[in-house]
Each structure stands twice: as C-alpha cells, then as structure tokens.
Protein backbone atom coordinates (compact mmCIF):
# COMPACT_ATOMS: atom_id res chain seq x y z
CA MET A 1 -17.18 27.61 -22.79
CA ALA A 2 -14.71 24.89 -21.93
CA LEU A 3 -15.67 21.50 -23.22
CA PHE A 4 -13.40 19.60 -20.87
CA ARG A 5 -12.95 21.07 -17.42
CA ARG A 6 -10.41 19.81 -14.99
CA ASN A 7 -11.92 17.77 -12.20
CA PRO A 8 -9.98 18.50 -8.98
CA ASP A 9 -11.06 15.25 -7.28
CA ARG A 10 -10.09 13.14 -10.27
CA ASP A 11 -6.76 14.97 -10.53
CA ALA A 12 -6.16 14.48 -6.79
CA ALA A 13 -7.02 10.77 -7.00
CA ASP A 14 -4.71 10.31 -9.99
CA LEU A 15 -1.87 12.14 -8.24
CA ALA A 16 -2.38 10.16 -5.03
CA TYR A 17 -2.39 6.89 -6.94
CA SER A 18 0.81 7.84 -8.77
CA ARG A 19 2.45 8.64 -5.41
CA VAL A 20 1.31 5.29 -3.99
CA VAL A 21 2.74 3.42 -6.98
CA GLU A 22 5.96 5.44 -6.89
CA GLN A 23 6.49 4.55 -3.23
CA ALA A 24 5.51 0.91 -3.73
CA ARG A 25 8.07 0.54 -6.52
CA ARG A 26 11.04 1.67 -4.45
CA PRO A 27 13.67 -1.06 -4.90
CA VAL A 28 14.62 -1.25 -1.21
CA PHE A 29 11.31 -2.99 -0.42
CA PHE A 30 12.49 -5.88 -2.58
CA THR A 31 16.25 -5.80 -2.09
CA GLU A 32 16.43 -5.19 1.66
CA GLY A 33 12.85 -5.59 2.82
CA GLY A 34 12.35 -9.10 1.50
CA VAL A 35 9.12 -8.41 -0.37
CA PRO A 36 9.06 -10.73 -3.38
CA ASP A 37 9.78 -8.87 -6.62
CA THR A 38 6.85 -10.54 -8.37
CA LEU A 39 3.42 -9.48 -9.56
CA ASP A 40 2.04 -10.59 -6.19
CA GLY A 41 4.67 -8.65 -4.25
CA ARG A 42 4.09 -5.52 -6.27
CA PHE A 43 0.32 -5.82 -5.86
CA GLU A 44 0.78 -6.24 -2.10
CA LEU A 45 2.94 -3.13 -1.81
CA ILE A 46 0.41 -1.07 -3.74
CA CYS A 47 -2.34 -2.39 -1.47
CA LEU A 48 -0.33 -1.54 1.64
CA HIS A 49 0.33 2.05 0.53
CA ALA A 50 -3.22 2.50 -0.78
CA PHE A 51 -4.46 1.31 2.61
CA LEU A 52 -2.34 3.96 4.33
CA TYR A 53 -3.79 6.73 2.19
CA LEU A 54 -7.40 5.57 2.43
CA HIS A 55 -7.03 4.97 6.17
CA ARG A 56 -5.99 8.61 6.61
CA LEU A 57 -8.73 9.95 4.30
CA LYS A 58 -11.38 8.57 6.67
CA SER A 59 -10.73 11.55 8.96
CA GLU A 60 -11.31 14.06 6.13
CA GLN A 61 -15.08 13.77 5.75
CA PRO A 62 -17.17 14.33 3.77
CA ARG A 63 -14.75 15.01 0.93
CA GLY A 64 -12.45 12.15 1.93
CA ALA A 65 -15.11 9.55 1.12
CA ALA A 66 -15.64 10.85 -2.42
CA LEU A 67 -11.91 11.16 -3.03
CA GLY A 68 -11.33 7.70 -1.59
CA GLN A 69 -13.81 6.26 -4.09
CA ARG A 70 -12.13 8.09 -6.99
CA PHE A 71 -8.76 6.82 -5.79
CA PHE A 72 -10.10 3.25 -5.61
CA ASP A 73 -11.55 3.61 -9.12
CA ALA A 74 -8.24 4.92 -10.49
CA MET A 75 -6.33 2.09 -8.84
CA PHE A 76 -8.59 -0.64 -10.20
CA ALA A 77 -8.70 0.94 -13.66
CA ASP A 78 -4.90 0.67 -13.63
CA PHE A 79 -5.09 -2.96 -12.47
CA ASP A 80 -7.53 -3.67 -15.30
CA ARG A 81 -5.20 -2.04 -17.83
CA SER A 82 -2.20 -3.93 -16.46
CA LEU A 83 -3.99 -7.29 -16.66
CA ARG A 84 -4.89 -6.63 -20.28
CA GLU A 85 -1.29 -5.63 -21.07
CA LEU A 86 -0.12 -8.89 -19.50
CA GLY A 87 -2.37 -10.76 -21.90
CA THR A 88 -5.28 -11.65 -19.64
CA GLY A 89 -8.27 -12.33 -21.88
CA ASP A 90 -11.27 -10.05 -21.89
CA LEU A 91 -13.47 -12.76 -20.41
CA SER A 92 -11.09 -13.28 -17.48
CA VAL A 93 -10.31 -9.66 -16.60
CA GLY A 94 -13.57 -9.08 -14.73
CA ARG A 95 -13.10 -12.19 -12.63
CA GLU A 96 -9.47 -11.24 -11.87
CA ILE A 97 -10.45 -7.69 -10.87
CA LYS A 98 -13.15 -9.05 -8.59
CA GLN A 99 -10.57 -11.29 -6.88
CA MET A 100 -8.16 -8.37 -6.54
CA ALA A 101 -10.87 -6.18 -4.99
CA LYS A 102 -11.77 -8.94 -2.54
CA ALA A 103 -8.09 -9.31 -1.64
CA PHE A 104 -7.72 -5.54 -1.20
CA TYR A 105 -10.70 -5.34 1.16
CA GLY A 106 -9.19 -8.21 3.13
CA ARG A 107 -5.91 -6.30 3.41
CA ILE A 108 -7.75 -3.22 4.65
CA ARG A 109 -9.40 -5.24 7.42
CA ALA A 110 -6.16 -7.02 8.33
CA TYR A 111 -4.05 -3.85 8.44
CA GLU A 112 -6.69 -1.91 10.40
CA GLN A 113 -6.83 -4.72 12.95
CA GLY A 114 -3.04 -4.78 12.98
CA LEU A 115 -2.77 -1.05 13.65
CA ASP A 116 -5.39 -1.32 16.39
CA GLY A 117 -3.88 -4.49 17.86
CA GLY A 118 -0.47 -5.39 19.12
CA ASP A 119 2.63 -6.20 17.14
CA SER A 120 1.72 -9.88 16.89
CA VAL A 121 -1.52 -9.02 15.06
CA LEU A 122 0.19 -6.67 12.60
CA ASN A 123 3.17 -8.99 12.09
CA ALA A 124 0.83 -11.89 11.31
CA ALA A 125 -1.12 -9.76 8.80
CA LEU A 126 2.10 -8.73 7.05
CA ALA A 127 3.51 -12.28 7.03
CA ARG A 128 0.25 -13.62 5.58
CA ASN A 129 -0.26 -10.91 2.96
CA LEU A 130 2.81 -8.86 2.07
CA PHE A 131 5.19 -11.79 2.48
CA GLY A 132 2.63 -14.48 1.66
CA THR A 133 4.68 -16.18 -1.05
CA VAL A 134 8.06 -16.08 0.73
CA ALA A 135 9.45 -16.82 4.15
CA ALA A 136 10.45 -13.40 5.47
CA THR A 137 12.77 -13.08 8.40
CA PRO A 138 11.40 -11.81 11.71
CA ARG A 139 13.56 -8.67 11.21
CA GLN A 140 12.00 -8.00 7.80
CA ILE A 141 8.48 -8.42 9.18
CA ALA A 142 9.27 -6.22 12.19
CA ALA A 143 10.76 -3.56 9.91
CA MET A 144 7.63 -3.50 7.75
CA ALA A 145 5.37 -3.40 10.82
CA ALA A 146 7.32 -0.42 12.18
CA TYR A 147 7.17 1.21 8.73
CA LEU A 148 3.39 0.75 8.52
CA ARG A 149 2.89 2.26 11.98
CA ASP A 150 5.32 5.11 11.24
CA GLU A 151 3.65 5.91 7.92
CA ALA A 152 0.18 5.89 9.47
CA ALA A 153 1.47 8.39 12.06
CA ARG A 154 3.23 10.46 9.36
CA LEU A 155 0.01 10.70 7.35
CA ARG A 156 -1.96 11.72 10.47
CA ARG A 157 0.44 14.66 10.81
CA GLN A 158 0.02 15.73 7.18
CA GLY A 159 -2.50 18.44 6.53
CA GLY A 160 -5.87 17.45 5.18
CA THR A 161 -5.65 20.02 2.38
CA GLU A 162 -2.47 18.40 1.06
CA LEU A 163 -3.90 14.88 1.23
CA LEU A 164 -7.18 15.95 -0.36
CA ALA A 165 -5.09 17.34 -3.23
CA GLY A 166 -3.38 13.94 -3.60
CA ARG A 167 -0.02 15.15 -2.30
CA ILE A 168 1.05 12.23 -0.12
CA ASP A 169 4.38 12.56 1.65
CA PHE A 170 5.62 9.03 2.32
CA GLY A 171 8.78 8.53 4.31
CA PRO A 172 11.76 6.40 3.37
CA PRO A 173 11.20 2.66 3.07
CA PRO A 174 12.34 0.57 6.01
CA LEU A 175 15.64 -1.17 6.34
CA PRO A 176 15.58 -4.24 8.58
CA ALA A 177 17.70 -3.68 11.65
CA ALA A 178 21.05 -5.40 11.56
CA PRO A 179 21.39 -8.25 14.00
CA ASP A 180 23.01 -7.12 17.21
CA ALA A 181 26.67 -7.91 17.80
CA ALA A 182 25.93 -10.60 20.40
CA ALA A 183 23.67 -12.51 18.03
CA ALA A 184 26.22 -12.16 15.24
CA GLU A 185 29.00 -13.51 17.47
CA GLY A 186 26.82 -16.43 18.50
CA ASP A 187 26.49 -17.41 14.85
CA SER A 188 30.23 -17.73 14.33
C-alpha cells in the first residue's frame, strides 16, 4: 500500500503554474516589451499568463473547474511563500494575499472584457494593469494586446488533454513593431 500517491490534478496544476511563471519571467517582456522589472511587473505578468490558462480551462468542464482551483491554490501558495521570503510579517501576509487575490480577479474581468471588446478596451486594461506603474508606448501596449489575443487563440487550438495535464504551450513573447520608415524620417 502506497502511503503517498501521486495526485494527477495537483501535479498538473503545479506543472501549469511552473509553465506560467517560466513564460512570465522571459526577459524580453521587460527589455523590449516595457513591462517594469519590479515586483509589481512580475506579478502582473504572472496574472496575465494565469488568466490565459484559466480562461482556456473554462471550456474543459467539469475537470477544468477543479484543475483551475488547484492551479489558483498553487499560485497563491507561491505568492504566500514569496511574501514571507521577502520579509513580510506573518500578521501582514494574509492581508497582502487578500489584496493580491482581489487584484487578480480584477485582472480576469478586465482581460475577459478586453478579449470580448475592441482593441481600445484591451489596450486600456493593459495600460492600467500590466503597465500601471510606467508609461508604456502605444507600440508596447499594442504588442502586448496582440500577444494576449494570439495566446488566447493558441491555447484554444491546444488539445484539452494536454492542458488538463498542465502542459501549456505558450508562444514567443511579443516584440513591439519598429516604427515605420516614414515616422522615423519625420523624427529626424
């Protein structure tokens, strides 16, 4: 009799969360994309990629709901651990986690509305959240909006079995389009 059995949903949630974090930590988001390389910027990128995964899981019911909850739990357990490592006191961690959860739910609503709405809705959500502490260029915002739409479409094309196993296949991070030659000449 095995004392500790592997839990496929927990393993899938852990793998999915590691893939989300791996993608969110890609340097190009900070160097080219304009996302601030701060705790806030890193949190925002994790939220954005977690949103993409959870958004896709909604179409994999009923198992997607249970896996989504396990994923959420794994993500917030990691946030809790990170806050403690950064020196946040035990009495403050709960309050901080509650604020982070509230922020995450707000991002979910904003990004869902952005995907359902036009570019102006999504661009505003990204400017307010992902780039909230910096003034991003319109090209950087447009690149992230295109990335979010492309990744949502990419995940829709991925098989449910793969996603339910936590194997997320994110695409390359966006690079803001270079200004066109006419605009560049006008600047000289």
